[in-house]
C-alpha atoms as a PDB file:
ATOM      1  CA  MET A   1     -11.308 -27.861  -6.264  1.00  0.00           C
ATOM      2  CA  MET A   2     -11.011 -25.539  -9.246  1.00  0.00           C
ATOM      3  CA  THR A   3      -7.630 -23.881  -9.813  1.00  0.00           C
ATOM      4  CA  TRP A   4      -6.600 -20.808 -11.758  1.00  0.00           C
ATOM      5  CA  GLN A   5      -5.392 -23.094 -14.552  1.00  0.00           C
ATOM      6  CA  ASP A   6      -8.981 -24.238 -15.169  1.00  0.00           C
ATOM      7  CA  ILE A   7     -10.108 -20.689 -15.974  1.00  0.00           C
ATOM      8  CA  PRO A   8     -10.039 -19.489 -19.595  1.00  0.00           C
ATOM      9  CA  GLY A   9      -8.194 -16.306 -20.370  1.00  0.00           C
ATOM     10  CA  TRP A  10      -4.812 -14.827 -21.213  1.00  0.00           C
ATOM     11  CA  TYR A  11      -1.950 -14.981 -18.723  1.00  0.00           C
ATOM     12  CA  ASP A  12       1.702 -14.980 -19.723  1.00  0.00           C
ATOM     13  CA  PHE A  13       3.110 -12.674 -17.038  1.00  0.00           C
ATOM     14  CA  GLU A  14       3.490 -15.146 -14.155  1.00  0.00           C
ATOM     15  CA  ALA A  15       7.106 -14.042 -13.646  1.00  0.00           C
ATOM     16  CA  THR A  16       5.969 -10.449 -13.073  1.00  0.00           C
ATOM     17  CA  TYR A  17       3.516 -11.515 -10.378  1.00  0.00           C
ATOM     18  CA  ARG A  18       6.113 -13.723  -8.699  1.00  0.00           C
ATOM     19  CA  GLU A  19       8.524 -10.771  -8.618  1.00  0.00           C
ATOM     20  CA  ALA A  20       5.895  -8.476  -7.096  1.00  0.00           C
ATOM     21  CA  VAL A  21       4.925 -11.000  -4.409  1.00  0.00           C
ATOM     22  CA  HIS A  22       8.570 -11.494  -3.486  1.00  0.00           C
ATOM     23  CA  ARG A  23       9.339  -7.772  -3.489  1.00  0.00           C
ATOM     24  CA  PHE A  24       6.595  -6.235  -1.351  1.00  0.00           C
ATOM     25  CA  PRO A  25       5.807  -6.683   2.356  1.00  0.00           C
ATOM     26  CA  ASN A  26       2.782  -8.111   4.144  1.00  0.00           C
ATOM     27  CA  GLY A  27      -0.169  -5.754   4.122  1.00  0.00           C
ATOM     28  CA  SER A  28       0.613  -4.299   0.702  1.00  0.00           C
ATOM     29  CA  THR A  29      -2.291  -3.370  -1.560  1.00  0.00           C
ATOM     30  CA  PHE A  30      -2.171  -4.828  -5.063  1.00  0.00           C
ATOM     31  CA  VAL A  31      -4.578  -3.870  -7.872  1.00  0.00           C
ATOM     32  CA  GLU A  32      -5.147  -5.723 -11.117  1.00  0.00           C
ATOM     33  CA  VAL A  33      -6.951  -3.602 -13.715  1.00  0.00           C
ATOM     34  CA  GLY A  34      -8.614  -5.893 -16.244  1.00  0.00           C
ATOM     35  CA  CYS A  35      -9.392  -9.294 -14.739  1.00  0.00           C
ATOM     36  CA  TYR A  36     -11.674 -11.019 -17.251  1.00  0.00           C
ATOM     37  CA  LEU A  37     -12.616 -14.325 -15.545  1.00  0.00           C
ATOM     38  CA  GLY A  38      -9.905 -14.161 -12.883  1.00  0.00           C
ATOM     39  CA  ARG A  39      -7.179 -16.471 -14.169  1.00  0.00           C
ATOM     40  CA  SER A  40      -4.250 -14.166 -13.326  1.00  0.00           C
ATOM     41  CA  LEU A  41      -5.950 -12.497 -10.356  1.00  0.00           C
ATOM     42  CA  ILE A  42      -6.511 -15.829  -8.644  1.00  0.00           C
ATOM     43  CA  HIS A  43      -2.976 -16.973  -9.361  1.00  0.00           C
ATOM     44  CA  LEU A  44      -1.689 -13.770  -7.760  1.00  0.00           C
ATOM     45  CA  ALA A  45      -3.603 -14.626  -4.592  1.00  0.00           C
ATOM     46  CA  GLN A  46      -2.251 -18.165  -4.710  1.00  0.00           C
ATOM     47  CA  LEU A  47       1.330 -16.923  -5.045  1.00  0.00           C
ATOM     48  CA  ALA A  48       0.836 -14.701  -2.001  1.00  0.00           C
ATOM     49  CA  ARG A  49      -0.545 -17.603   0.014  1.00  0.00           C
ATOM     50  CA  GLU A  50       2.339 -19.863  -1.015  1.00  0.00           C
ATOM     51  CA  ALA A  51       4.788 -17.158   0.105  1.00  0.00           C
ATOM     52  CA  ASN A  52       3.006 -16.916   3.488  1.00  0.00           C
ATOM     53  CA  LYS A  53       2.130 -13.316   2.747  1.00  0.00           C
ATOM     54  CA  TRP A  54      -1.171 -11.475   2.974  1.00  0.00           C
ATOM     55  CA  PHE A  55      -1.910  -8.726   0.504  1.00  0.00           C
ATOM     56  CA  GLN A  56      -5.052  -6.724  -0.054  1.00  0.00           C
ATOM     57  CA  ILE A  57      -5.703  -7.881  -3.615  1.00  0.00           C
ATOM     58  CA  ILE A  58      -8.272  -5.912  -5.603  1.00  0.00           C
ATOM     59  CA  GLY A  59      -9.528  -6.704  -9.082  1.00  0.00           C
ATOM     60  CA  VAL A  60     -11.029  -3.978 -11.281  1.00  0.00           C
ATOM     61  CA  ASP A  61     -13.123  -4.718 -14.365  1.00  0.00           C
ATOM     62  CA  THR A  62     -16.244  -3.405 -16.059  1.00  0.00           C
ATOM     63  CA  CYS A  63     -17.274  -7.050 -16.607  1.00  0.00           C
ATOM     64  CA  ARG A  64     -18.797  -6.040 -19.915  1.00  0.00           C
ATOM     65  CA  GLU A  65     -17.767  -6.349 -23.544  1.00  0.00           C
ATOM     66  CA  SER A  66     -14.215  -5.309 -24.358  1.00  0.00           C
ATOM     67  CA  GLY A  67     -15.116  -3.710 -27.659  1.00  0.00           C
ATOM     68  CA  VAL A  68     -13.444  -4.660 -30.905  1.00  0.00           C
ATOM     69  CA  GLU A  69      -9.660  -4.954 -30.581  1.00  0.00           C
ATOM     70  CA  ASN A  70      -7.581  -6.383 -33.410  1.00  0.00           C
ATOM     71  CA  GLY A  71     -10.821  -7.189 -35.214  1.00  0.00           C
ATOM     72  CA  HIS A  72     -12.486  -9.181 -32.435  1.00  0.00           C
ATOM     73  CA  ASP A  73     -14.493  -8.605 -29.270  1.00  0.00           C
ATOM     74  CA  HIS A  74     -12.759 -11.056 -26.953  1.00  0.00           C
ATOM     75  CA  HIS A  75     -15.442 -10.904 -24.248  1.00  0.00           C
ATOM     76  CA  ALA A  76     -18.613 -11.008 -26.345  1.00  0.00           C
ATOM     77  CA  ASP A  77     -19.536 -14.678 -25.879  1.00  0.00           C
ATOM     78  CA  VAL A  78     -19.087 -14.804 -22.112  1.00  0.00           C
ATOM     79  CA  VAL A  79     -20.939 -11.477 -21.712  1.00  0.00           C
ATOM     80  CA  GLU A  80     -23.867 -12.803 -23.719  1.00  0.00           C
ATOM     81  CA  ASN A  81     -23.934 -16.024 -21.691  1.00  0.00           C
ATOM     82  CA  GLY A  82     -23.949 -13.971 -18.493  1.00  0.00           C
ATOM     83  CA  GLY A  83     -26.902 -11.828 -19.524  1.00  0.00           C
ATOM     84  CA  GLY A  84     -24.857  -8.709 -20.199  1.00  0.00           C
ATOM     85  CA  SER A  85     -22.084  -9.133 -17.605  1.00  0.00           C
ATOM     86  CA  PHE A  86     -19.525 -11.732 -16.585  1.00  0.00           C
ATOM     87  CA  VAL A  87     -19.217 -10.497 -13.005  1.00  0.00           C
ATOM     88  CA  GLY A  88     -21.127 -13.516 -11.707  1.00  0.00           C
ATOM     89  CA  GLN A  89     -18.746 -15.943 -13.392  1.00  0.00           C
ATOM     90  CA  LEU A  90     -15.709 -13.987 -12.204  1.00  0.00           C
ATOM     91  CA  HIS A  91     -16.904 -14.051  -8.619  1.00  0.00           C
ATOM     92  CA  ARG A  92     -17.857 -17.736  -8.789  1.00  0.00           C
ATOM     93  CA  ASN A  93     -14.378 -18.567 -10.042  1.00  0.00           C
ATOM     94  CA  ILE A  94     -12.796 -16.723  -7.119  1.00  0.00           C
ATOM     95  CA  VAL A  95     -15.037 -18.552  -4.646  1.00  0.00           C
ATOM     96  CA  GLN A  96     -14.580 -21.970  -6.235  1.00  0.00           C
ATOM     97  CA  CYS A  97     -10.801 -21.569  -6.212  1.00  0.00           C
ATOM     98  CA  GLY A  98     -10.888 -20.826  -2.482  1.00  0.00           C
ATOM     99  CA  PHE A  99      -9.886 -17.149  -2.536  1.00  0.00           C
ATOM    100  CA  ALA A 100     -13.120 -15.397  -1.598  1.00  0.00           C
ATOM    101  CA  ASP A 101     -11.454 -13.929   1.507  1.00  0.00           C
ATOM    102  CA  ASP A 102      -8.292 -12.916  -0.330  1.00  0.00           C
ATOM    103  CA  ILE A 103      -9.670 -10.960  -3.288  1.00  0.00           C
ATOM    104  CA  SER A 104     -12.024  -7.975  -3.514  1.00  0.00           C
ATOM    105  CA  LEU A 105     -13.680  -6.789  -6.714  1.00  0.00           C
ATOM    106  CA  ILE A 106     -14.547  -3.338  -8.009  1.00  0.00           C
ATOM    107  CA  VAL A 107     -16.982  -3.551 -10.913  1.00  0.00           C
ATOM    108  CA  GLY A 108     -16.552  -0.348 -12.870  1.00  0.00           C
ATOM    109  CA  SER A 109     -14.232   1.499 -15.189  1.00  0.00           C
ATOM    110  CA  SER A 110     -10.534   1.823 -14.568  1.00  0.00           C
ATOM    111  CA  LEU A 111     -10.772   5.594 -14.173  1.00  0.00           C
ATOM    112  CA  GLN A 112     -13.694   5.372 -11.717  1.00  0.00           C
ATOM    113  CA  ALA A 113     -11.813   2.825  -9.636  1.00  0.00           C
ATOM    114  CA  ALA A 114      -8.568   4.817  -9.615  1.00  0.00           C
ATOM    115  CA  ALA A 115     -10.432   7.772  -8.120  1.00  0.00           C
ATOM    116  CA  MET A 116     -11.384   5.625  -5.099  1.00  0.00           C
ATOM    117  CA  PHE A 117      -7.793   5.352  -3.857  1.00  0.00           C
ATOM    118  CA  SER A 118      -5.645   7.895  -2.062  1.00  0.00           C
ATOM    119  CA  PRO A 119      -2.437   9.156  -3.638  1.00  0.00           C
ATOM    120  CA  ARG A 120       0.607   7.013  -2.889  1.00  0.00           C
ATOM    121  CA  SER A 121      -1.490   4.281  -1.247  1.00  0.00           C
ATOM    122  CA  LEU A 122      -0.698   1.303  -3.491  1.00  0.00           C
ATOM    123  CA  TYR A 123       2.389  -0.866  -3.753  1.00  0.00           C
ATOM    124  CA  PHE A 124       1.596  -2.577  -7.044  1.00  0.00           C
ATOM    125  CA  VAL A 125      -0.789  -1.864  -9.920  1.00  0.00           C
ATOM    126  CA  PHE A 126      -0.989  -4.111 -12.958  1.00  0.00           C
ATOM    127  CA  ILE A 127      -2.813  -2.744 -16.016  1.00  0.00           C
ATOM    128  CA  ASP A 128      -4.270  -5.181 -18.518  1.00  0.00           C
ATOM    129  CA  ALA A 129      -7.480  -3.443 -19.581  1.00  0.00           C
ATOM    130  CA  ALA A 130      -8.486  -1.875 -22.914  1.00  0.00           C
ATOM    131  CA  HIS A 131      -5.760  -1.791 -25.577  1.00  0.00           C
ATOM    132  CA  ASP A 132      -7.692  -0.006 -28.314  1.00  0.00           C
ATOM    133  CA  TYR A 133      -5.553   1.336 -31.109  1.00  0.00           C
ATOM    134  CA  ASP A 134      -6.269   3.117 -34.369  1.00  0.00           C
ATOM    135  CA  SER A 135      -3.247   4.002 -36.469  1.00  0.00           C
ATOM    136  CA  VAL A 136      -5.277   6.666 -38.265  1.00  0.00           C
ATOM    137  CA  ALA A 137      -6.471   8.481 -35.142  1.00  0.00           C
ATOM    138  CA  ALA A 138      -4.640  11.469 -33.756  1.00  0.00           C
ATOM    139  CA  HIS A 139      -4.703   9.913 -30.264  1.00  0.00           C
ATOM    140  CA  ASP A 140      -4.033   6.270 -30.938  1.00  0.00           C
ATOM    141  CA  TYR A 141      -3.393   5.013 -27.422  1.00  0.00           C
ATOM    142  CA  ASP A 142      -6.005   6.805 -25.337  1.00  0.00           C
ATOM    143  CA  SER A 143      -7.109   3.866 -23.168  1.00  0.00           C
ATOM    144  CA  VAL A 144      -3.668   2.748 -22.012  1.00  0.00           C
ATOM    145  CA  ARG A 145      -2.476   6.324 -21.626  1.00  0.00           C
ATOM    146  CA  SER A 146      -5.545   7.222 -19.551  1.00  0.00           C
ATOM    147  CA  ASP A 147      -5.127   4.159 -17.340  1.00  0.00           C
ATOM    148  CA  ILE A 148      -1.474   4.917 -16.622  1.00  0.00           C
ATOM    149  CA  ALA A 149      -2.215   8.591 -15.921  1.00  0.00           C
ATOM    150  CA  ALA A 150      -5.046   7.675 -13.553  1.00  0.00           C
ATOM    151  CA  TRP A 151      -3.236   5.005 -11.537  1.00  0.00           C
ATOM    152  CA  LEU A 152       0.333   6.314 -11.432  1.00  0.00           C
ATOM    153  CA  PRO A 153      -0.345   8.968  -8.731  1.00  0.00           C
ATOM    154  CA  ASN A 154      -1.766   6.239  -6.486  1.00  0.00           C
ATOM    155  CA  VAL A 155       1.453   4.211  -6.426  1.00  0.00           C
ATOM    156  CA  LYS A 156       3.878   4.672  -3.541  1.00  0.00           C
ATOM    157  CA  THR A 157       7.444   5.759  -4.049  1.00  0.00           C
ATOM    158  CA  GLY A 158       9.281   2.490  -4.469  1.00  0.00           C
ATOM    159  CA  GLY A 159       6.100   0.833  -5.668  1.00  0.00           C
ATOM    160  CA  VAL A 160       5.533  -0.485  -9.158  1.00  0.00           C
ATOM    161  CA  ILE A 161       3.056   0.136 -11.954  1.00  0.00           C
ATOM    162  CA  ALA A 162       3.214  -2.582 -14.584  1.00  0.00           C
ATOM    163  CA  GLY A 163       1.177  -4.131 -17.346  1.00  0.00           C
ATOM    164  CA  ASP A 164       0.878  -6.626 -20.164  1.00  0.00           C
ATOM    165  CA  ASP A 165       1.143  -6.687 -23.958  1.00  0.00           C
ATOM    166  CA  TYR A 166       4.041  -4.283 -24.423  1.00  0.00           C
ATOM    167  CA  GLY A 167       5.423  -6.529 -27.131  1.00  0.00           C
ATOM    168  CA  ILE A 168       8.823  -8.123 -27.455  1.00  0.00           C
ATOM    169  CA  PRO A 169      11.360  -5.297 -26.829  1.00  0.00           C
ATOM    170  CA  ASN A 170      12.857  -5.233 -30.340  1.00  0.00           C
ATOM    171  CA  GLU A 171       9.660  -6.144 -32.151  1.00  0.00           C
ATOM    172  CA  VAL A 172       9.035  -3.807 -35.083  1.00  0.00           C
ATOM    173  CA  ASN A 173       5.269  -4.346 -35.298  1.00  0.00           C
ATOM    174  CA  PRO A 174       3.929  -5.406 -31.889  1.00  0.00           C
ATOM    175  CA  VAL A 175       0.459  -6.913 -31.640  1.00  0.00           C
ATOM    176  CA  TRP A 176      -0.652  -4.060 -29.357  1.00  0.00           C
ATOM    177  CA  PRO A 177       1.305  -1.013 -30.589  1.00  0.00           C
ATOM    178  CA  GLY A 178      -0.815   1.374 -28.517  1.00  0.00           C
ATOM    179  CA  VAL A 179       0.466  -0.195 -25.303  1.00  0.00           C
ATOM    180  CA  LYS A 180       4.070   0.242 -26.359  1.00  0.00           C
ATOM    181  CA  GLN A 181       3.502   3.857 -27.404  1.00  0.00           C
ATOM    182  CA  ALA A 182       1.732   4.820 -24.182  1.00  0.00           C
ATOM    183  CA  VAL A 183       4.286   3.200 -21.887  1.00  0.00           C
ATOM    184  CA  SER A 184       7.247   4.593 -23.796  1.00  0.00           C
ATOM    185  CA  HIS A 185       5.745   8.091 -23.799  1.00  0.00           C
ATOM    186  CA  LEU A 186       4.607   8.291 -20.164  1.00  0.00           C
ATOM    187  CA  LEU A 187       7.112   6.082 -18.346  1.00  0.00           C
ATOM    188  CA  PRO A 188      10.663   6.726 -19.548  1.00  0.00           C
ATOM    189  CA  GLY A 189      13.006   4.316 -17.854  1.00  0.00           C
ATOM    190  CA  HIS A 190      10.494   1.464 -17.781  1.00  0.00           C
ATOM    191  CA  GLU A 191      11.754  -2.098 -17.980  1.00  0.00           C
ATOM    192  CA  CYS A 192      10.537  -5.147 -19.883  1.00  0.00           C
ATOM    193  CA  ARG A 193       9.601  -8.403 -18.197  1.00  0.00           C
ATOM    194  CA  PRO A 194       8.816 -11.857 -19.625  1.00  0.00           C
ATOM    195  CA  HIS A 195       6.895 -12.623 -21.823  1.00  0.00           C
ATOM    196  CA  ASP A 196       5.956  -9.123 -22.977  1.00  0.00           C
ATOM    197  CA  ALA A 197       5.107  -7.317 -19.753  1.00  0.00           C
ATOM    198  CA  TRP A 198       6.320  -3.844 -18.785  1.00  0.00           C
ATOM    199  CA  TRP A 199       7.416  -2.658 -15.314  1.00  0.00           C
ATOM    200  CA  TYR A 200       8.055   0.809 -13.901  1.00  0.00           C
ATOM    201  CA  GLU A 201       9.311   1.599 -10.409  1.00  0.00           C
ATOM    202  CA  VAL A 202       7.928   4.868  -9.071  1.00  0.00           C
ATOM    203  CA  ARG A 203      10.662   7.194  -7.808  1.00  0.00           C
END
């Protein structure tokens, strides 16, 4: 059987997912915003199963091209191979890894998906979607800022909103400076998690 490790993609925040699975009770709703081909999403479901917990795990992605970020469109090849969308490959990966009954998908934008949930209904939201950044623009972290603003009201008190690519805490020039700016601006008191994830408990 296929495992999450067989799926291409970027995933260096395993410790954050382990912490979330350990922290929250059965029946919690978890959302991952930005799934690509499901590597991290499927591992999240596996961690829940190994902990004998059941969560409502929901993946959100447009399943289209990411746009140019740091000079490269990271999704272009798989989108072209999928005829304009990688949703079929994402869903096949979930099925082939044995988690079709554990994971639900919303194919659409982050902001559209956030509007589908009631305020204070989610225990854990992980944001790893668009990171676009333009040091010349007046608003140089619009995507991350918009995602945080849209999802934060949906997280319960005591719940967590987190994400990837914050950068090493003392790094002068992080790879994704827009992420660091948005998190620092909107979520004072946030914490850093390995490798370069960020974590904010809603109070």
